[in-house]
Every structure is written in structure tokens, then in C-alpha cells.
């Protein structure tokens, strides 16, 4: 089984050389080297490295450095600025950069973007031209995500974090799965797949987080395992669960068959991004 984490964030320590835009409750640094070492420790073969928007905004230069250093282990996704009139050119240039596998847009409520936003349209149409999937961060705004996906049926969309608002500190909210019906309805869109990333942060029980499996089973039934991409959302999830705790429940649960586990923990991700890790 090839294990691929569909969402991680690596970054340098805050410094004048590459200053952070904001200071989240993450470790002081998890460099590319440290990320790969953490992956090795828990048996993760590869990961999709999403350039950290909260730290670096639209500057993915660190992600490019890391992908160059670890080409077989980390593929990279860049957030694109919808207010940039040259966004289509940015996507085109990104396609030429080694290790790139997609772009990302924000459709959370605080982003204040409508599904028909002209900037989003520039990015989406450029992504189609350059055969990139569009990652959509849309937690707690699934109606807008549905409208976006319906608006562009020829675009491949990847829904981040199940579209479910996730805590940055424990405990999980009283009703962490309250928007699950909208997640299930979203599965009707054949041009979308969904990341099962950060799921352990939604547990209201201690490790190994047994209460996540019933709602996850409903997602698996609606979407199918070939459209579900397991991920940890490390390091955003740092204050809630550590990396090993985000991996082990999926490796060990009896709720998955071996074929389901292989698809969820790697197969679907490799298909969605058109990328496979290579050790050595």
C-alpha cells in the first residue's frame, strides 16, 4: 500500500528573510526536511504540500524549494490570488514549475468571494487549460462550493477538509458534523473529489477517536472511496492532534477493508493529482 497524505503544510521559522503574514498556533518551524522525517517515522510515502496561506499568502517560493529538495516525496499546490489580473499567467507559470500538481482558491465565508467572482473564474479557466485540479477551501460555506462546482462542470475540484469547519484548538465543537448533509449532497457532482483531511480534529473522544467513523462512513458511502483522499492537515492540526495520531487510526481501524484503506490512504489521491511518490 502506498500512503499519500493529501494535505500538509511545511514552513521555515519566522524570519526577516521570509516573514510570516500571521503567527498561527503551529510549531515554530516544520521545514521540508522535518516534514519528510515525520512522514518516515509514521510510514507516509508522499504528501501534497499546500503552500501555507496563513504564513506566506500567495508566495509559494518555499514550497518550490522544498519540492526541489524532495521531488519524490512532496508535490506542491499554490494558492492563487483572485485579485491579480494576471492570475491566468501565474497559473501558466506554475505549471512549468517542477513538482506542481494543482492550485488553490479560498471560498470560506471570511474570504467574501461569490462563486461567480471574476477572479475565481480566471483561475478556474486557467486551471482547466493547464490540466490542474482546483483545490477549494470552503469549510462552513458548502452552498457556495456547490454553486462553484456546478458553474464549471469541466473543472476538476478537490474539496479541502471535507468542507467542514475544524477547530484550531481542542475541544471539538458540540456538533462537529452538523453540516454533514451538505457534504453528502455535494457528492452528486461528478467533477469533484473530497479530502478526508483533519478528520481526527472533529472527534470529541480521546485517541484513537472512535467517534469519527460513523459520520465518515456516510461520506465514504456517498462519495465512494475512489473520490475520498485521506489527509492529516499537519501542521494546521498541531494543537489538536499530533502527526502520528492523525495517521494511525486510519492504518489500524477495522472499519476499512484493505482495499478501501489502500484507496483512501493513497490510491484516490494519486489519481486526483496525477502524481505518485518515489522514495530514494
C-alpha atoms as a PDB file:
ATOM      1  CA  UNK A   1       0.000   0.000   0.000  1.00  0.00           C
ATOM      2  CA  UNK A   2       1.302   3.449  -0.943  1.00  0.00           C
ATOM      3  CA  UNK A   3       0.354   6.036   1.697  1.00  0.00           C
ATOM      4  CA  UNK A   4      -0.072   9.622   0.481  1.00  0.00           C
ATOM      5  CA  UNK A   5      -1.138  12.445   2.796  1.00  0.00           C
ATOM      6  CA  UNK A   6      -3.383  14.763   0.767  1.00  0.00           C
ATOM      7  CA  UNK A   7      -2.663  17.883   2.847  1.00  0.00           C
ATOM      8  CA  UNK A   8       0.401  19.055   4.770  1.00  0.00           C
ATOM      9  CA  UNK A   9       1.991  22.453   5.374  1.00  0.00           C
ATOM     10  CA  UNK A  10       5.755  22.855   5.785  1.00  0.00           C
ATOM     11  CA  UNK A  11       7.445  26.168   6.560  1.00  0.00           C
ATOM     12  CA  UNK A  12      10.562  27.829   7.902  1.00  0.00           C
ATOM     13  CA  UNK A  13      10.855  29.693  11.196  1.00  0.00           C
ATOM     14  CA  UNK A  14       9.600  33.262  11.061  1.00  0.00           C
ATOM     15  CA  UNK A  15      12.464  35.498   9.943  1.00  0.00           C
ATOM     16  CA  UNK A  16      13.168  38.731   8.052  1.00  0.00           C
ATOM     17  CA  UNK A  17      14.284  36.597   5.100  1.00  0.00           C
ATOM     18  CA  UNK A  18      10.811  35.092   4.747  1.00  0.00           C
ATOM     19  CA  UNK A  19       8.478  36.766   7.270  1.00  0.00           C
ATOM     20  CA  UNK A  20       5.151  35.255   8.212  1.00  0.00           C
ATOM     21  CA  UNK A  21       1.981  37.162   7.418  1.00  0.00           C
ATOM     22  CA  UNK A  22       0.411  35.913  10.671  1.00  0.00           C
ATOM     23  CA  UNK A  23       1.545  33.760  13.590  1.00  0.00           C
ATOM     24  CA  UNK A  24      -0.777  30.749  13.996  1.00  0.00           C
ATOM     25  CA  UNK A  25      -0.689  28.248  16.853  1.00  0.00           C
ATOM     26  CA  UNK A  26       1.643  25.943  14.943  1.00  0.00           C
ATOM     27  CA  UNK A  27       5.153  24.722  15.837  1.00  0.00           C
ATOM     28  CA  UNK A  28       7.883  27.351  15.418  1.00  0.00           C
ATOM     29  CA  UNK A  29       9.003  25.553  12.269  1.00  0.00           C
ATOM     30  CA  UNK A  30       8.371  22.353  10.341  1.00  0.00           C
ATOM     31  CA  UNK A  31      10.774  22.554   7.438  1.00  0.00           C
ATOM     32  CA  UNK A  32      10.594  20.340   4.397  1.00  0.00           C
ATOM     33  CA  UNK A  33      13.328  18.141   5.859  1.00  0.00           C
ATOM     34  CA  UNK A  34      11.434  17.910   9.156  1.00  0.00           C
ATOM     35  CA  UNK A  35       8.208  17.089   7.365  1.00  0.00           C
ATOM     36  CA  UNK A  36       9.797  14.238   5.425  1.00  0.00           C
ATOM     37  CA  UNK A  37      11.394  12.924   8.622  1.00  0.00           C
ATOM     38  CA  UNK A  38       7.981  12.963  10.314  1.00  0.00           C
ATOM     39  CA  UNK A  39       6.468  11.128   7.348  1.00  0.00           C
ATOM     40  CA  UNK A  40       9.198   8.483   7.503  1.00  0.00           C
ATOM     41  CA  UNK A  41       8.520   7.907  11.195  1.00  0.00           C
ATOM     42  CA  UNK A  42       4.848   7.042  10.633  1.00  0.00           C
ATOM     43  CA  UNK A  43       5.031   5.309   7.262  1.00  0.00           C
ATOM     44  CA  UNK A  44       3.766   8.048   4.931  1.00  0.00           C
ATOM     45  CA  UNK A  45       5.344   7.647   1.489  1.00  0.00           C
ATOM     46  CA  UNK A  46       4.418  11.019  -0.014  1.00  0.00           C
ATOM     47  CA  UNK A  47       2.346  14.123   0.599  1.00  0.00           C
ATOM     48  CA  UNK A  48       0.639  17.000  -1.159  1.00  0.00           C
ATOM     49  CA  UNK A  49       2.300  20.112   0.273  1.00  0.00           C
ATOM     50  CA  UNK A  50      -0.134  23.021   0.222  1.00  0.00           C
ATOM     51  CA  UNK A  51       1.795  26.274   0.475  1.00  0.00           C
ATOM     52  CA  UNK A  52       0.710  27.794   3.794  1.00  0.00           C
ATOM     53  CA  UNK A  53      -1.553  30.743   3.031  1.00  0.00           C
ATOM     54  CA  UNK A  54      -1.755  31.960   6.631  1.00  0.00           C
ATOM     55  CA  UNK A  55       2.038  32.318   6.703  1.00  0.00           C
ATOM     56  CA  UNK A  56       3.093  33.144   3.156  1.00  0.00           C
ATOM     57  CA  UNK A  57      -0.132  34.268   1.423  1.00  0.00           C
ATOM     58  CA  UNK A  58       0.367  33.812  -2.334  1.00  0.00           C
ATOM     59  CA  UNK A  59       4.143  33.372  -2.182  1.00  0.00           C
ATOM     60  CA  UNK A  60       4.894  29.686  -2.769  1.00  0.00           C
ATOM     61  CA  UNK A  61       8.656  30.113  -3.091  1.00  0.00           C
ATOM     62  CA  UNK A  62       9.381  27.998  -0.032  1.00  0.00           C
ATOM     63  CA  UNK A  63       7.216  25.179  -1.367  1.00  0.00           C
ATOM     64  CA  UNK A  64       9.205  25.289  -4.612  1.00  0.00           C
ATOM     65  CA  UNK A  65      12.482  24.993  -2.657  1.00  0.00           C
ATOM     66  CA  UNK A  66      11.179  22.016  -0.705  1.00  0.00           C
ATOM     67  CA  UNK A  67       9.840  20.241  -3.782  1.00  0.00           C
ATOM     68  CA  UNK A  68      13.236  20.678  -5.421  1.00  0.00           C
ATOM     69  CA  UNK A  69      14.927  19.103  -2.389  1.00  0.00           C
ATOM     70  CA  UNK A  70      12.401  16.253  -2.033  1.00  0.00           C
ATOM     71  CA  UNK A  71      10.989  15.683  -5.533  1.00  0.00           C
ATOM     72  CA  UNK A  72       9.853  12.123  -4.885  1.00  0.00           C
ATOM     73  CA  UNK A  73       8.186  12.805  -1.558  1.00  0.00           C
ATOM     74  CA  UNK A  74       6.343  16.119  -1.795  1.00  0.00           C
ATOM     75  CA  UNK A  75       4.196  17.567  -4.592  1.00  0.00           C
ATOM     76  CA  UNK A  76       3.097  21.188  -4.308  1.00  0.00           C
ATOM     77  CA  UNK A  77      -0.076  23.277  -4.591  1.00  0.00           C
ATOM     78  CA  UNK A  78      -0.148  27.069  -4.691  1.00  0.00           C
ATOM     79  CA  UNK A  79      -2.902  29.465  -3.610  1.00  0.00           C
ATOM     80  CA  UNK A  80      -3.665  31.881  -6.459  1.00  0.00           C
ATOM     81  CA  UNK A  81      -4.712  35.485  -5.856  1.00  0.00           C
ATOM     82  CA  UNK A  82      -8.123  36.135  -7.446  1.00  0.00           C
ATOM     83  CA  UNK A  83      -7.475  39.891  -7.282  1.00  0.00           C
ATOM     84  CA  UNK A  84      -4.430  39.528  -9.533  1.00  0.00           C
ATOM     85  CA  UNK A  85      -5.459  40.457 -13.114  1.00  0.00           C
ATOM     86  CA  UNK A  86      -2.564  38.289 -14.300  1.00  0.00           C
ATOM     87  CA  UNK A  87      -3.785  35.222 -12.374  1.00  0.00           C
ATOM     88  CA  UNK A  88      -4.029  33.171 -15.573  1.00  0.00           C
ATOM     89  CA  UNK A  89      -0.357  33.882 -16.300  1.00  0.00           C
ATOM     90  CA  UNK A  90       0.528  32.903 -12.731  1.00  0.00           C
ATOM     91  CA  UNK A  91      -1.194  29.542 -13.238  1.00  0.00           C
ATOM     92  CA  UNK A  92       0.633  29.051 -16.541  1.00  0.00           C
ATOM     93  CA  UNK A  93       3.990  29.784 -14.899  1.00  0.00           C
ATOM     94  CA  UNK A  94       3.147  27.487 -12.002  1.00  0.00           C
ATOM     95  CA  UNK A  95       2.522  24.657 -14.449  1.00  0.00           C
ATOM     96  CA  UNK A  96       6.119  24.982 -15.663  1.00  0.00           C
ATOM     97  CA  UNK A  97       7.492  24.676 -12.118  1.00  0.00           C
ATOM     98  CA  UNK A  98       8.771  21.190 -11.207  1.00  0.00           C
ATOM     99  CA  UNK A  99       6.652  19.306  -8.688  1.00  0.00           C
ATOM    100  CA  UNK A 100       3.415  21.241  -9.129  1.00  0.00           C
ATOM    101  CA  UNK A 101       0.133  19.327  -9.105  1.00  0.00           C
ATOM    102  CA  UNK A 102      -2.621  21.909  -8.552  1.00  0.00           C
ATOM    103  CA  UNK A 103      -3.812  25.351  -7.500  1.00  0.00           C
ATOM    104  CA  UNK A 104      -5.976  26.501  -4.610  1.00  0.00           C
ATOM    105  CA  UNK A 105      -8.758  29.036  -4.111  1.00  0.00           C
ATOM    106  CA  UNK A 106     -10.477  30.212  -0.933  1.00  0.00           C
ATOM    107  CA  UNK A 107     -14.248  30.171  -0.694  1.00  0.00           C
ATOM    108  CA  UNK A 108     -14.612  30.389   3.075  1.00  0.00           C
ATOM    109  CA  UNK A 109     -17.073  32.958   4.407  1.00  0.00           C
ATOM    110  CA  UNK A 110     -14.286  35.284   5.545  1.00  0.00           C
ATOM    111  CA  UNK A 111     -12.831  35.292   2.020  1.00  0.00           C
ATOM    112  CA  UNK A 112     -16.017  37.059   0.899  1.00  0.00           C
ATOM    113  CA  UNK A 113     -15.952  35.568  -2.608  1.00  0.00           C
ATOM    114  CA  UNK A 114     -19.012  34.681  -4.631  1.00  0.00           C
ATOM    115  CA  UNK A 115     -18.963  31.558  -6.827  1.00  0.00           C
ATOM    116  CA  UNK A 116     -19.189  33.827  -9.886  1.00  0.00           C
ATOM    117  CA  UNK A 117     -16.319  36.074  -8.767  1.00  0.00           C
ATOM    118  CA  UNK A 118     -14.384  37.154 -11.907  1.00  0.00           C
ATOM    119  CA  UNK A 119     -11.053  36.447 -10.219  1.00  0.00           C
ATOM    120  CA  UNK A 120     -12.086  32.908  -9.328  1.00  0.00           C
ATOM    121  CA  UNK A 121     -13.238  32.434 -12.915  1.00  0.00           C
ATOM    122  CA  UNK A 122      -9.805  33.489 -14.242  1.00  0.00           C
ATOM    123  CA  UNK A 123      -8.124  30.927 -12.019  1.00  0.00           C
ATOM    124  CA  UNK A 124     -10.560  28.111 -12.755  1.00  0.00           C
ATOM    125  CA  UNK A 125     -10.416  28.555 -16.528  1.00  0.00           C
ATOM    126  CA  UNK A 126      -6.611  28.718 -16.460  1.00  0.00           C
ATOM    127  CA  UNK A 127      -6.507  25.559 -14.352  1.00  0.00           C
ATOM    128  CA  UNK A 128      -8.537  23.712 -16.980  1.00  0.00           C
ATOM    129  CA  UNK A 129      -6.206  24.915 -19.749  1.00  0.00           C
ATOM    130  CA  UNK A 130      -3.179  23.640 -17.860  1.00  0.00           C
ATOM    131  CA  UNK A 131      -4.793  20.417 -16.593  1.00  0.00           C
ATOM    132  CA  UNK A 132      -4.663  21.349 -12.904  1.00  0.00           C
ATOM    133  CA  UNK A 133      -7.263  20.355 -10.329  1.00  0.00           C
ATOM    134  CA  UNK A 134      -8.573  23.285  -8.274  1.00  0.00           C
ATOM    135  CA  UNK A 135      -8.401  22.819  -4.514  1.00  0.00           C
ATOM    136  CA  UNK A 136     -11.259  24.644  -2.793  1.00  0.00           C
ATOM    137  CA  UNK A 137     -11.051  25.684   0.846  1.00  0.00           C
ATOM    138  CA  UNK A 138     -14.743  26.145   1.615  1.00  0.00           C
ATOM    139  CA  UNK A 139     -15.382  24.950   5.131  1.00  0.00           C
ATOM    140  CA  UNK A 140     -18.659  26.216   6.578  1.00  0.00           C
ATOM    141  CA  UNK A 141     -19.606  27.571   3.135  1.00  0.00           C
ATOM    142  CA  UNK A 142     -20.705  24.479   1.245  1.00  0.00           C
ATOM    143  CA  UNK A 143     -23.584  26.154  -0.583  1.00  0.00           C
ATOM    144  CA  UNK A 144     -21.075  28.424  -2.310  1.00  0.00           C
ATOM    145  CA  UNK A 145     -18.849  25.439  -3.091  1.00  0.00           C
ATOM    146  CA  UNK A 146     -21.757  23.597  -4.699  1.00  0.00           C
ATOM    147  CA  UNK A 147     -22.572  26.634  -6.828  1.00  0.00           C
ATOM    148  CA  UNK A 148     -18.932  26.941  -7.929  1.00  0.00           C
ATOM    149  CA  UNK A 149     -18.668  23.282  -8.886  1.00  0.00           C
ATOM    150  CA  UNK A 150     -21.937  23.415 -10.796  1.00  0.00           C
ATOM    151  CA  UNK A 151     -20.824  26.573 -12.599  1.00  0.00           C
ATOM    152  CA  UNK A 152     -17.711  24.897 -14.013  1.00  0.00           C
ATOM    153  CA  UNK A 153     -18.611  21.271 -14.817  1.00  0.00           C
ATOM    154  CA  UNK A 154     -15.465  20.773 -16.920  1.00  0.00           C
ATOM    155  CA  UNK A 155     -13.154  21.633 -13.995  1.00  0.00           C
ATOM    156  CA  UNK A 156     -11.765  19.076 -11.558  1.00  0.00           C
ATOM    157  CA  UNK A 157     -12.341  20.252  -7.984  1.00  0.00           C
ATOM    158  CA  UNK A 158     -10.807  18.917  -4.781  1.00  0.00           C
ATOM    159  CA  UNK A 159     -12.727  19.880  -1.621  1.00  0.00           C
ATOM    160  CA  UNK A 160     -10.403  20.597   1.312  1.00  0.00           C
ATOM    161  CA  UNK A 161     -11.147  19.294   4.826  1.00  0.00           C
ATOM    162  CA  UNK A 162     -14.496  17.722   3.853  1.00  0.00           C
ATOM    163  CA  UNK A 163     -15.817  21.286   3.695  1.00  0.00           C
ATOM    164  CA  UNK A 164     -16.391  21.039   7.452  1.00  0.00           C
ATOM    165  CA  UNK A 165     -15.239  23.770   9.839  1.00  0.00           C
ATOM    166  CA  UNK A 166     -12.500  22.315  12.041  1.00  0.00           C
ATOM    167  CA  UNK A 167     -11.140  23.535  15.388  1.00  0.00           C
ATOM    168  CA  UNK A 168      -7.670  25.036  15.743  1.00  0.00           C
ATOM    169  CA  UNK A 169      -7.621  24.144  19.452  1.00  0.00           C
ATOM    170  CA  UNK A 170      -9.439  21.412  21.385  1.00  0.00           C
ATOM    171  CA  UNK A 171     -12.142  20.544  22.120  1.00  0.00           C
ATOM    172  CA  UNK A 172     -14.186  19.863  19.021  1.00  0.00           C
ATOM    173  CA  UNK A 173     -17.458  21.820  18.818  1.00  0.00           C
ATOM    174  CA  UNK A 174     -20.591  20.330  20.375  1.00  0.00           C
ATOM    175  CA  UNK A 175     -21.924  19.307  16.937  1.00  0.00           C
ATOM    176  CA  UNK A 176     -18.816  18.935  14.761  1.00  0.00           C
ATOM    177  CA  UNK A 177     -20.674  17.182  11.918  1.00  0.00           C
ATOM    178  CA  UNK A 178     -23.672  19.492  11.732  1.00  0.00           C
ATOM    179  CA  UNK A 179     -23.047  20.322   8.042  1.00  0.00           C
ATOM    180  CA  UNK A 180     -22.662  16.658   7.050  1.00  0.00           C
ATOM    181  CA  UNK A 181     -25.900  16.622   4.975  1.00  0.00           C
ATOM    182  CA  UNK A 182     -24.429  19.299   2.689  1.00  0.00           C
ATOM    183  CA  UNK A 183     -21.202  17.297   2.382  1.00  0.00           C
ATOM    184  CA  UNK A 184     -23.230  14.277   1.281  1.00  0.00           C
ATOM    185  CA  UNK A 185     -25.248  16.338  -1.202  1.00  0.00           C
ATOM    186  CA  UNK A 186     -22.024  17.667  -2.726  1.00  0.00           C
ATOM    187  CA  UNK A 187     -21.123  14.109  -3.715  1.00  0.00           C
ATOM    188  CA  UNK A 188     -23.648  14.319  -6.571  1.00  0.00           C
ATOM    189  CA  UNK A 189     -21.110  16.419  -8.513  1.00  0.00           C
ATOM    190  CA  UNK A 190     -19.017  14.020 -10.613  1.00  0.00           C
ATOM    191  CA  UNK A 191     -16.294  16.650 -11.222  1.00  0.00           C
ATOM    192  CA  UNK A 192     -15.392  16.832  -7.508  1.00  0.00           C
ATOM    193  CA  UNK A 193     -13.448  14.693  -5.060  1.00  0.00           C
ATOM    194  CA  UNK A 194     -13.125  15.312  -1.331  1.00  0.00           C
ATOM    195  CA  UNK A 195     -10.263  15.390   1.137  1.00  0.00           C
ATOM    196  CA  UNK A 196     -10.845  13.473   4.352  1.00  0.00           C
ATOM    197  CA  UNK A 197      -8.271  15.787   5.919  1.00  0.00           C
ATOM    198  CA  UNK A 198      -8.237  16.847   9.558  1.00  0.00           C
ATOM    199  CA  UNK A 199     -10.978  14.347  10.443  1.00  0.00           C
ATOM    200  CA  UNK A 200      -9.415  13.474  13.797  1.00  0.00           C
ATOM    201  CA  UNK A 201      -9.758  17.090  14.931  1.00  0.00           C
ATOM    202  CA  UNK A 202     -13.547  16.624  14.856  1.00  0.00           C
ATOM    203  CA  UNK A 203     -13.513  13.873  17.471  1.00  0.00           C
ATOM    204  CA  UNK A 204     -14.998  14.519  20.900  1.00  0.00           C
ATOM    205  CA  UNK A 205     -13.266  11.407  22.263  1.00  0.00           C
ATOM    206  CA  UNK A 206      -9.596  10.812  23.127  1.00  0.00           C
ATOM    207  CA  UNK A 207      -7.233   8.978  20.755  1.00  0.00           C
ATOM    208  CA  UNK A 208      -7.937   6.798  18.741  1.00  0.00           C
ATOM    209  CA  UNK A 209     -11.023   8.976  18.053  1.00  0.00           C
ATOM    210  CA  UNK A 210     -13.549   6.180  17.545  1.00  0.00           C
ATOM    211  CA  UNK A 211     -16.493   8.552  17.172  1.00  0.00           C
ATOM    212  CA  UNK A 212     -15.342   9.778  13.741  1.00  0.00           C
ATOM    213  CA  UNK A 213     -16.121   6.529  11.937  1.00  0.00           C
ATOM    214  CA  UNK A 214     -19.928   6.656  11.712  1.00  0.00           C
ATOM    215  CA  UNK A 215     -20.019  10.098  10.026  1.00  0.00           C
ATOM    216  CA  UNK A 216     -17.021   9.184   7.868  1.00  0.00           C
ATOM    217  CA  UNK A 217     -18.816   6.016   6.755  1.00  0.00           C
ATOM    218  CA  UNK A 218     -21.656   8.169   5.439  1.00  0.00           C
ATOM    219  CA  UNK A 219     -19.150  10.243   3.453  1.00  0.00           C
ATOM    220  CA  UNK A 220     -17.493   7.126   2.061  1.00  0.00           C
ATOM    221  CA  UNK A 221     -20.899   5.731   1.041  1.00  0.00           C
ATOM    222  CA  UNK A 222     -21.923   8.963  -0.700  1.00  0.00           C
ATOM    223  CA  UNK A 223     -18.638   9.755  -2.428  1.00  0.00           C
ATOM    224  CA  UNK A 224     -17.077   6.315  -2.917  1.00  0.00           C
ATOM    225  CA  UNK A 225     -13.554   5.537  -1.771  1.00  0.00           C
ATOM    226  CA  UNK A 226     -12.116   6.368  -5.193  1.00  0.00           C
ATOM    227  CA  UNK A 227     -13.161  10.006  -4.574  1.00  0.00           C
ATOM    228  CA  UNK A 228     -12.028  10.284  -0.928  1.00  0.00           C
ATOM    229  CA  UNK A 229      -8.485  11.483  -0.192  1.00  0.00           C
ATOM    230  CA  UNK A 230      -7.208  10.876   3.343  1.00  0.00           C
ATOM    231  CA  UNK A 231      -5.029  13.610   4.836  1.00  0.00           C
ATOM    232  CA  UNK A 232      -3.828  14.951   8.181  1.00  0.00           C
ATOM    233  CA  UNK A 233      -3.750  18.733   7.644  1.00  0.00           C
ATOM    234  CA  UNK A 234      -0.478  18.697   9.513  1.00  0.00           C
ATOM    235  CA  UNK A 235       0.652  21.235  10.764  1.00  0.00           C
ATOM    236  CA  UNK A 236      -2.580  23.235  10.985  1.00  0.00           C
ATOM    237  CA  UNK A 237      -3.966  20.481  13.225  1.00  0.00           C
ATOM    238  CA  UNK A 238      -0.918  20.545  15.529  1.00  0.00           C
ATOM    239  CA  UNK A 239      -2.695  21.925  18.612  1.00  0.00           C
ATOM    240  CA  UNK A 240      -5.412  19.266  18.408  1.00  0.00           C
ATOM    241  CA  UNK A 241      -3.638  16.043  17.328  1.00  0.00           C
ATOM    242  CA  UNK A 242      -0.039  15.131  16.617  1.00  0.00           C
ATOM    243  CA  UNK A 243       1.063  13.643  13.314  1.00  0.00           C
ATOM    244  CA  UNK A 244       1.154  10.034  14.465  1.00  0.00           C
ATOM    245  CA  UNK A 245      -2.348  10.352  15.980  1.00  0.00           C
ATOM    246  CA  UNK A 246      -3.684  11.622  12.660  1.00  0.00           C
ATOM    247  CA  UNK A 247      -2.207   8.652  10.764  1.00  0.00           C
ATOM    248  CA  UNK A 248      -2.532   5.607  12.996  1.00  0.00           C
ATOM    249  CA  UNK A 249      -6.343   5.451  13.364  1.00  0.00           C
ATOM    250  CA  UNK A 250      -6.684   5.093   9.584  1.00  0.00           C
ATOM    251  CA  UNK A 251      -3.931   2.482   9.364  1.00  0.00           C
ATOM    252  CA  UNK A 252      -5.354   0.360  12.180  1.00  0.00           C
ATOM    253  CA  UNK A 253      -9.138   0.705  12.124  1.00  0.00           C
ATOM    254  CA  UNK A 254     -11.202  -2.415  11.469  1.00  0.00           C
ATOM    255  CA  UNK A 255     -13.841  -0.224   9.786  1.00  0.00           C
ATOM    256  CA  UNK A 256     -11.914  -0.333   6.495  1.00  0.00           C
ATOM    257  CA  UNK A 257     -11.100  -3.318   4.303  1.00  0.00           C
ATOM    258  CA  UNK A 258      -7.563  -3.486   2.970  1.00  0.00           C
ATOM    259  CA  UNK A 259      -8.679  -2.406  -0.496  1.00  0.00           C
ATOM    260  CA  UNK A 260     -10.682   0.504   0.956  1.00  0.00           C
ATOM    261  CA  UNK A 261      -7.718   1.550   3.081  1.00  0.00           C
ATOM    262  CA  UNK A 262      -5.370   1.465   0.112  1.00  0.00           C
ATOM    263  CA  UNK A 263      -7.696   3.634  -1.969  1.00  0.00           C
ATOM    264  CA  UNK A 264      -8.476   6.107   0.834  1.00  0.00           C
ATOM    265  CA  UNK A 265      -4.881   6.479   2.046  1.00  0.00           C
ATOM    266  CA  UNK A 266      -3.176   6.819  -1.300  1.00  0.00           C
ATOM    267  CA  UNK A 267      -4.879   5.493  -4.403  1.00  0.00           C
ATOM    268  CA  UNK A 268      -7.526   8.199  -4.712  1.00  0.00           C
ATOM    269  CA  UNK A 269      -5.013  10.964  -4.022  1.00  0.00           C
ATOM    270  CA  UNK A 270      -2.564   9.734  -6.631  1.00  0.00           C
ATOM    271  CA  UNK A 271      -5.350   9.568  -9.187  1.00  0.00           C
ATOM    272  CA  UNK A 272      -6.729  13.019  -8.346  1.00  0.00           C
ATOM    273  CA  UNK A 273      -3.359  14.752  -8.590  1.00  0.00           C
ATOM    274  CA  UNK A 274      -1.742  12.558 -11.223  1.00  0.00           C
ATOM    275  CA  UNK A 275       1.311  12.111  -9.003  1.00  0.00           C
ATOM    276  CA  UNK A 276       2.942   9.203  -7.194  1.00  0.00           C
ATOM    277  CA  UNK A 277       5.721   9.365  -4.583  1.00  0.00           C
ATOM    278  CA  UNK A 278       9.106   7.836  -5.213  1.00  0.00           C
ATOM    279  CA  UNK A 279      11.477   7.069  -2.363  1.00  0.00           C
ATOM    280  CA  UNK A 280      15.235   7.054  -2.811  1.00  0.00           C
END
